[in-house]
Amino acid sequence: MDNLSLKNLYDVQQLLKRFGTYVHLGKRLWDIELMSIEVRNLYNNEMIDKKTFINAQLVLKSEHRKEEHKDKEEKER
């Protein structure tokens, strides 16, 4: 697998799509968590390289933090 430039959640979705994995659970936070599991499975099965795995996980962690912050702000209103 070539090293992909993963910059945002859409890029990670496209990576998963290349392997036939589509994630839509209805809540963005849950989608991000499932995508993280799926990316880890791809790496553990040697379908993506370490650099791609790390970049995807960094994007997912960043998006997860943003979503948690957004949810927290909505609950405080």
PDB file of N, CA and C in Angstrom:
ATOM      1  N   MET A   1       0.855  -1.179   0.000  1.00  0.00           N
ATOM      2  CA  MET A   1       0.000   0.000   0.000  1.00  0.00           C
ATOM      3  C   MET A   1       0.891   1.229   0.000  1.00  0.00           C
ATOM      4  N   ASP A   2       0.591   2.141  -0.867  1.00  0.00           N
ATOM      5  CA  ASP A   2       1.381   3.365  -0.930  1.00  0.00           C
ATOM      6  C   ASP A   2       1.094   4.274   0.256  1.00  0.00           C
ATOM      7  N   ASN A   3       2.048   5.134   0.563  1.00  0.00           N
ATOM      8  CA  ASN A   3       1.849   6.100   1.647  1.00  0.00           C
ATOM      9  C   ASN A   3       0.863   7.157   1.182  1.00  0.00           C
ATOM     10  N   LEU A   4      -0.231   7.249   1.874  1.00  0.00           N
ATOM     11  CA  LEU A   4      -1.260   8.209   1.517  1.00  0.00           C
ATOM     12  C   LEU A   4      -1.126   9.456   2.363  1.00  0.00           C
ATOM     13  N   SER A   5      -1.526  10.563   1.798  1.00  0.00           N
ATOM     14  CA  SER A   5      -1.561  11.810   2.546  1.00  0.00           C
ATOM     15  C   SER A   5      -2.934  11.911   3.199  1.00  0.00           C
ATOM     16  N   LEU A   6      -2.999  11.578   4.467  1.00  0.00           N
ATOM     17  CA  LEU A   6      -4.259  11.594   5.199  1.00  0.00           C
ATOM     18  C   LEU A   6      -4.312  12.862   6.037  1.00  0.00           C
ATOM     19  N   LYS A   7      -5.204  13.768   5.665  1.00  0.00           N
ATOM     20  CA  LYS A   7      -5.266  15.060   6.341  1.00  0.00           C
ATOM     21  C   LYS A   7      -6.560  15.273   7.107  1.00  0.00           C
ATOM     22  N   ASN A   8      -7.604  14.565   6.729  1.00  0.00           N
ATOM     23  CA  ASN A   8      -8.892  14.777   7.388  1.00  0.00           C
ATOM     24  C   ASN A   8      -9.713  13.488   7.390  1.00  0.00           C
ATOM     25  N   LEU A   9     -10.875  13.566   7.997  1.00  0.00           N
ATOM     26  CA  LEU A   9     -11.721  12.384   8.141  1.00  0.00           C
ATOM     27  C   LEU A   9     -12.133  11.818   6.785  1.00  0.00           C
ATOM     28  N   TYR A  10     -12.388  12.690   5.833  1.00  0.00           N
ATOM     29  CA  TYR A  10     -12.757  12.239   4.494  1.00  0.00           C
ATOM     30  C   TYR A  10     -11.660  11.358   3.895  1.00  0.00           C
ATOM     31  N   ASP A  11     -10.402  11.740   4.082  1.00  0.00           N
ATOM     32  CA  ASP A  11      -9.286  10.940   3.567  1.00  0.00           C
ATOM     33  C   ASP A  11      -9.267   9.548   4.193  1.00  0.00           C
ATOM     34  N   VAL A  12      -9.551   9.465   5.495  1.00  0.00           N
ATOM     35  CA  VAL A  12      -9.597   8.161   6.170  1.00  0.00           C
ATOM     36  C   VAL A  12     -10.777   7.348   5.638  1.00  0.00           C
ATOM     37  N   GLN A  13     -11.905   8.001   5.405  1.00  0.00           N
ATOM     38  CA  GLN A  13     -13.062   7.307   4.836  1.00  0.00           C
ATOM     39  C   GLN A  13     -12.713   6.735   3.465  1.00  0.00           C
ATOM     40  N   GLN A  14     -11.977   7.497   2.663  1.00  0.00           N
ATOM     41  CA  GLN A  14     -11.585   7.026   1.338  1.00  0.00           C
ATOM     42  C   GLN A  14     -10.616   5.848   1.429  1.00  0.00           C
ATOM     43  N   LEU A  15      -9.729   5.873   2.413  1.00  0.00           N
ATOM     44  CA  LEU A  15      -8.828   4.742   2.646  1.00  0.00           C
ATOM     45  C   LEU A  15      -9.641   3.484   2.933  1.00  0.00           C
ATOM     46  N   LEU A  16     -10.589   3.593   3.856  1.00  0.00           N
ATOM     47  CA  LEU A  16     -11.415   2.438   4.208  1.00  0.00           C
ATOM     48  C   LEU A  16     -12.240   1.970   3.013  1.00  0.00           C
ATOM     49  N   LYS A  17     -12.725   2.911   2.237  1.00  0.00           N
ATOM     50  CA  LYS A  17     -13.536   2.590   1.062  1.00  0.00           C
ATOM     51  C   LYS A  17     -12.745   1.740   0.063  1.00  0.00           C
ATOM     52  N   ARG A  18     -11.436   1.992  -0.033  1.00  0.00           N
ATOM     53  CA  ARG A  18     -10.583   1.207  -0.941  1.00  0.00           C
ATOM     54  C   ARG A  18     -10.598  -0.278  -0.586  1.00  0.00           C
ATOM     55  N   PHE A  19     -10.912  -0.576   0.677  1.00  0.00           N
ATOM     56  CA  PHE A  19     -10.963  -1.959   1.140  1.00  0.00           C
ATOM     57  C   PHE A  19     -12.401  -2.443   1.314  1.00  0.00           C
ATOM     58  N   GLY A  20     -13.355  -1.683   0.792  1.00  0.00           N
ATOM     59  CA  GLY A  20     -14.751  -2.091   0.842  1.00  0.00           C
ATOM     60  C   GLY A  20     -15.427  -1.856   2.179  1.00  0.00           C
ATOM     61  N   THR A  21     -14.877  -0.961   2.986  1.00  0.00           N
ATOM     62  CA  THR A  21     -15.446  -0.684   4.304  1.00  0.00           C
ATOM     63  C   THR A  21     -16.118   0.680   4.298  1.00  0.00           C
ATOM     64  N   TYR A  22     -17.410   0.664   4.554  1.00  0.00           N
ATOM     65  CA  TYR A  22     -18.199   1.893   4.652  1.00  0.00           C
ATOM     66  C   TYR A  22     -18.732   1.979   6.069  1.00  0.00           C
ATOM     67  N   VAL A  23     -18.554   3.132   6.703  1.00  0.00           N
ATOM     68  CA  VAL A  23     -18.967   3.295   8.101  1.00  0.00           C
ATOM     69  C   VAL A  23     -19.992   4.418   8.188  1.00  0.00           C
ATOM     70  N   HIS A  24     -21.168   4.087   8.693  1.00  0.00           N
ATOM     71  CA  HIS A  24     -22.184   5.099   8.991  1.00  0.00           C
ATOM     72  C   HIS A  24     -23.109   4.541  10.058  1.00  0.00           C
ATOM     73  N   LEU A  25     -22.884   4.964  11.284  1.00  0.00           N
ATOM     74  CA  LEU A  25     -23.696   4.493  12.404  1.00  0.00           C
ATOM     75  C   LEU A  25     -24.752   5.513  12.809  1.00  0.00           C
ATOM     76  N   GLY A  26     -24.662   6.718  12.268  1.00  0.00           N
ATOM     77  CA  GLY A  26     -25.657   7.730  12.572  1.00  0.00           C
ATOM     78  C   GLY A  26     -25.189   8.794  13.544  1.00  0.00           C
ATOM     79  N   LYS A  27     -24.119   8.521  14.257  1.00  0.00           N
ATOM     80  CA  LYS A  27     -23.537   9.510  15.163  1.00  0.00           C
ATOM     81  C   LYS A  27     -22.055   9.614  14.814  1.00  0.00           C
ATOM     82  N   ARG A  28     -21.607  10.822  14.551  1.00  0.00           N
ATOM     83  CA  ARG A  28     -20.234  11.034  14.069  1.00  0.00           C
ATOM     84  C   ARG A  28     -19.185  10.454  15.017  1.00  0.00           C
ATOM     85  N   LEU A  29     -19.381  10.618  16.311  1.00  0.00           N
ATOM     86  CA  LEU A  29     -18.416  10.101  17.284  1.00  0.00           C
ATOM     87  C   LEU A  29     -18.290   8.582  17.168  1.00  0.00           C
ATOM     88  N   TRP A  30     -19.411   7.912  17.021  1.00  0.00           N
ATOM     89  CA  TRP A  30     -19.389   6.448  16.873  1.00  0.00           C
ATOM     90  C   TRP A  30     -18.716   6.048  15.563  1.00  0.00           C
ATOM     91  N   ASP A  31     -18.984   6.817  14.505  1.00  0.00           N
ATOM     92  CA  ASP A  31     -18.342   6.539  13.217  1.00  0.00           C
ATOM     93  C   ASP A  31     -16.822   6.601  13.347  1.00  0.00           C
ATOM     94  N   ILE A  32     -16.337   7.631  14.029  1.00  0.00           N
ATOM     95  CA  ILE A  32     -14.891   7.807  14.201  1.00  0.00           C
ATOM     96  C   ILE A  32     -14.304   6.636  14.986  1.00  0.00           C
ATOM     97  N   GLU A  33     -14.990   6.214  16.038  1.00  0.00           N
ATOM     98  CA  GLU A  33     -14.500   5.099  16.854  1.00  0.00           C
ATOM     99  C   GLU A  33     -14.455   3.803  16.049  1.00  0.00           C
ATOM    100  N   LEU A  34     -15.480   3.550  15.247  1.00  0.00           N
ATOM    101  CA  LEU A  34     -15.486   2.337  14.425  1.00  0.00           C
ATOM    102  C   LEU A  34     -14.418   2.411  13.333  1.00  0.00           C
ATOM    103  N   MET A  35     -14.221   3.590  12.757  1.00  0.00           N
ATOM    104  CA  MET A  35     -13.165   3.751  11.751  1.00  0.00           C
ATOM    105  C   MET A  35     -11.803   3.436  12.352  1.00  0.00           C
ATOM    106  N   SER A  36     -11.580   3.844  13.583  1.00  0.00           N
ATOM    107  CA  SER A  36     -10.318   3.558  14.256  1.00  0.00           C
ATOM    108  C   SER A  36     -10.110   2.050  14.396  1.00  0.00           C
ATOM    109  N   ILE A  37     -11.157   1.348  14.763  1.00  0.00           N
ATOM    110  CA  ILE A  37     -11.083  -0.114  14.883  1.00  0.00           C
ATOM    111  C   ILE A  37     -10.779  -0.739  13.524  1.00  0.00           C
ATOM    112  N   GLU A  38     -11.453  -0.267  12.490  1.00  0.00           N
ATOM    113  CA  GLU A  38     -11.255  -0.823  11.146  1.00  0.00           C
ATOM    114  C   GLU A  38      -9.844  -0.551  10.624  1.00  0.00           C
ATOM    115  N   VAL A  39      -9.327   0.647  10.876  1.00  0.00           N
ATOM    116  CA  VAL A  39      -7.957   0.971  10.445  1.00  0.00           C
ATOM    117  C   VAL A  39      -6.964   0.070  11.170  1.00  0.00           C
ATOM    118  N   ARG A  40      -7.184  -0.152  12.467  1.00  0.00           N
ATOM    119  CA  ARG A  40      -6.304  -1.040  13.232  1.00  0.00           C
ATOM    120  C   ARG A  40      -6.348  -2.464  12.660  1.00  0.00           C
ATOM    121  N   ASN A  41      -7.525  -2.926  12.287  1.00  0.00           N
ATOM    122  CA  ASN A  41      -7.648  -4.261  11.690  1.00  0.00           C
ATOM    123  C   ASN A  41      -6.895  -4.346  10.366  1.00  0.00           C
ATOM    124  N   LEU A  42      -6.980  -3.301   9.553  1.00  0.00           N
ATOM    125  CA  LEU A  42      -6.226  -3.289   8.293  1.00  0.00           C
ATOM    126  C   LEU A  42      -4.728  -3.384   8.560  1.00  0.00           C
ATOM    127  N   TYR A  43      -4.258  -2.641   9.548  1.00  0.00           N
ATOM    128  CA  TYR A  43      -2.831  -2.661   9.884  1.00  0.00           C
ATOM    129  C   TYR A  43      -2.420  -4.026  10.444  1.00  0.00           C
ATOM    130  N   ASN A  44      -3.217  -4.559  11.355  1.00  0.00           N
ATOM    131  CA  ASN A  44      -2.893  -5.859  11.957  1.00  0.00           C
ATOM    132  C   ASN A  44      -2.860  -6.977  10.925  1.00  0.00           C
ATOM    133  N   ASN A  45      -3.636  -6.831   9.856  1.00  0.00           N
ATOM    134  CA  ASN A  45      -3.655  -7.823   8.787  1.00  0.00           C
ATOM    135  C   ASN A  45      -2.697  -7.466   7.652  1.00  0.00           C
ATOM    136  N   GLU A  46      -1.808  -6.499   7.922  1.00  0.00           N
ATOM    137  CA  GLU A  46      -0.756  -6.074   6.993  1.00  0.00           C
ATOM    138  C   GLU A  46      -1.302  -5.604   5.646  1.00  0.00           C
ATOM    139  N   MET A  47      -2.464  -4.959   5.682  1.00  0.00           N
ATOM    140  CA  MET A  47      -3.063  -4.434   4.455  1.00  0.00           C
ATOM    141  C   MET A  47      -2.684  -2.967   4.229  1.00  0.00           C
ATOM    142  N   ILE A  48      -2.245  -2.291   5.298  1.00  0.00           N
ATOM    143  CA  ILE A  48      -1.706  -0.935   5.182  1.00  0.00           C
ATOM    144  C   ILE A  48      -0.381  -0.889   5.939  1.00  0.00           C
ATOM    145  N   ASP A  49       0.480   0.024   5.528  1.00  0.00           N
ATOM    146  CA  ASP A  49       1.786   0.124   6.190  1.00  0.00           C
ATOM    147  C   ASP A  49       1.687   0.943   7.478  1.00  0.00           C
ATOM    148  N   LYS A  50       2.772   0.939   8.229  1.00  0.00           N
ATOM    149  CA  LYS A  50       2.786   1.592   9.539  1.00  0.00           C
ATOM    150  C   LYS A  50       2.556   3.098   9.431  1.00  0.00           C
ATOM    151  N   LYS A  51       3.165   3.727   8.441  1.00  0.00           N
ATOM    152  CA  LYS A  51       3.019   5.181   8.281  1.00  0.00           C
ATOM    153  C   LYS A  51       1.560   5.554   7.998  1.00  0.00           C
ATOM    154  N   THR A  52       0.913   4.806   7.137  1.00  0.00           N
ATOM    155  CA  THR A  52      -0.497   5.056   6.828  1.00  0.00           C
ATOM    156  C   THR A  52      -1.352   4.840   8.066  1.00  0.00           C
ATOM    157  N   PHE A  53      -1.056   3.780   8.815  1.00  0.00           N
ATOM    158  CA  PHE A  53      -1.793   3.490  10.049  1.00  0.00           C
ATOM    159  C   PHE A  53      -1.662   4.639  11.045  1.00  0.00           C
ATOM    160  N   ILE A  54      -0.433   5.091  11.266  1.00  0.00           N
ATOM    161  CA  ILE A  54      -0.199   6.163  12.239  1.00  0.00           C
ATOM    162  C   ILE A  54      -0.885   7.454  11.798  1.00  0.00           C
ATOM    163  N   ASN A  55      -0.757   7.798  10.522  1.00  0.00           N
ATOM    164  CA  ASN A  55      -1.396   9.018  10.024  1.00  0.00           C
ATOM    165  C   ASN A  55      -2.915   8.949  10.166  1.00  0.00           C
ATOM    166  N   ALA A  56      -3.493   7.805   9.846  1.00  0.00           N
ATOM    167  CA  ALA A  56      -4.944   7.642   9.971  1.00  0.00           C
ATOM    168  C   ALA A  56      -5.374   7.765  11.430  1.00  0.00           C
ATOM    169  N   GLN A  57      -4.623   7.150  12.328  1.00  0.00           N
ATOM    170  CA  GLN A  57      -4.975   7.215  13.751  1.00  0.00           C
ATOM    171  C   GLN A  57      -4.858   8.644  14.283  1.00  0.00           C
ATOM    172  N   LEU A  58      -3.854   9.390  13.835  1.00  0.00           N
ATOM    173  CA  LEU A  58      -3.711  10.786  14.263  1.00  0.00           C
ATOM    174  C   LEU A  58      -4.907  11.620  13.816  1.00  0.00           C
ATOM    175  N   VAL A  59      -5.328  11.432  12.582  1.00  0.00           N
ATOM    176  CA  VAL A  59      -6.506  12.146  12.080  1.00  0.00           C
ATOM    177  C   VAL A  59      -7.732  11.768  12.900  1.00  0.00           C
ATOM    178  N   LEU A  60      -7.910  10.476  13.145  1.00  0.00           N
ATOM    179  CA  LEU A  60      -9.093  10.017  13.880  1.00  0.00           C
ATOM    180  C   LEU A  60      -9.095  10.526  15.317  1.00  0.00           C
ATOM    181  N   LYS A  61      -7.945  10.525  15.964  1.00  0.00           N
ATOM    182  CA  LYS A  61      -7.881  11.039  17.346  1.00  0.00           C
ATOM    183  C   LYS A  61      -8.207  12.527  17.388  1.00  0.00           C
ATOM    184  N   SER A  62      -7.693  13.270  16.427  1.00  0.00           N
ATOM    185  CA  SER A  62      -7.973  14.701  16.359  1.00  0.00           C
ATOM    186  C   SER A  62      -9.465  14.950  16.138  1.00  0.00           C
ATOM    187  N   GLU A  63     -10.054  14.228  15.207  1.00  0.00           N
ATOM    188  CA  GLU A  63     -11.486  14.379  14.927  1.00  0.00           C
ATOM    189  C   GLU A  63     -12.329  13.954  16.127  1.00  0.00           C
ATOM    190  N   HIS A  64     -11.883  12.927  16.825  1.00  0.00           N
ATOM    191  CA  HIS A  64     -12.606  12.445  18.009  1.00  0.00           C
ATOM    192  C   HIS A  64     -12.617  13.531  19.086  1.00  0.00           C
ATOM    193  N   ARG A  65     -11.457  14.157  19.312  1.00  0.00           N
ATOM    194  CA  ARG A  65     -11.374  15.238  20.298  1.00  0.00           C
ATOM    195  C   ARG A  65     -12.291  16.401  19.928  1.00  0.00           C
ATOM    196  N   LYS A  66     -12.279  16.786  18.658  1.00  0.00           N
ATOM    197  CA  LYS A  66     -13.149  17.876  18.197  1.00  0.00           C
ATOM    198  C   LYS A  66     -14.618  17.542  18.443  1.00  0.00           C
ATOM    199  N   GLU A  67     -14.985  16.324  18.135  1.00  0.00           N
ATOM    200  CA  GLU A  67     -16.383  15.910  18.288  1.00  0.00           C
ATOM    201  C   GLU A  67     -16.782  15.855  19.759  1.00  0.00           C
ATOM    202  N   GLU A  68     -15.893  15.364  20.617  1.00  0.00           N
ATOM    203  CA  GLU A  68     -16.186  15.346  22.055  1.00  0.00           C
ATOM    204  C   GLU A  68     -16.360  16.762  22.585  1.00  0.00           C
ATOM    205  N   HIS A  69     -15.508  17.674  22.141  1.00  0.00           N
ATOM    206  CA  HIS A  69     -15.594  19.071  22.568  1.00  0.00           C
ATOM    207  C   HIS A  69     -16.920  19.682  22.107  1.00  0.00           C
ATOM    208  N   LYS A  70     -17.300  19.390  20.879  1.00  0.00           N
ATOM    209  CA  LYS A  70     -18.557  19.899  20.333  1.00  0.00           C
ATOM    210  C   LYS A  70     -19.751  19.363  21.121  1.00  0.00           C
ATOM    211  N   ASP A  71     -19.730  18.065  21.423  1.00  0.00           N
ATOM    212  CA  ASP A  71     -20.808  17.451  22.209  1.00  0.00           C
ATOM    213  C   ASP A  71     -20.891  18.069  23.601  1.00  0.00           C
ATOM    214  N   LYS A  72     -19.734  18.317  24.203  1.00  0.00           N
ATOM    215  CA  LYS A  72     -19.693  18.905  25.546  1.00  0.00           C
ATOM    216  C   LYS A  72     -20.297  20.306  25.532  1.00  0.00           C
ATOM    217  N   GLU A  73     -19.960  21.093  24.520  1.00  0.00           N
ATOM    218  CA  GLU A  73     -20.510  22.449  24.406  1.00  0.00           C
ATOM    219  C   GLU A  73     -22.024  22.421  24.219  1.00  0.00           C
ATOM    220  N   GLU A  74     -22.514  21.469  23.430  1.00  0.00           N
ATOM    221  CA  GLU A  74     -23.958  21.365  23.195  1.00  0.00           C
ATOM    222  C   GLU A  74     -24.700  20.992  24.471  1.00  0.00           C
ATOM    223  N   LYS A  75     -24.105  20.152  25.288  1.00  0.00           N
ATOM    224  CA  LYS A  75     -24.747  19.739  26.540  1.00  0.00           C
ATOM    225  C   LYS A  75     -24.783  20.871  27.558  1.00  0.00           C
ATOM    226  N   GLU A  76     -23.803  21.779  27.486  1.00  0.00           N
ATOM    227  CA  GLU A  76     -23.737  22.892  28.431  1.00  0.00           C
ATOM    228  C   GLU A  76     -24.748  23.988  28.110  1.00  0.00           C
ATOM    229  N   ARG A  77     -25.319  23.961  26.929  1.00  0.00           N
ATOM    230  CA  ARG A  77     -26.296  24.997  26.545  1.00  0.00           C
ATOM    231  C   ARG A  77     -27.624  24.781  27.189  1.00  0.00           C
TER     232      ARG A  77
END
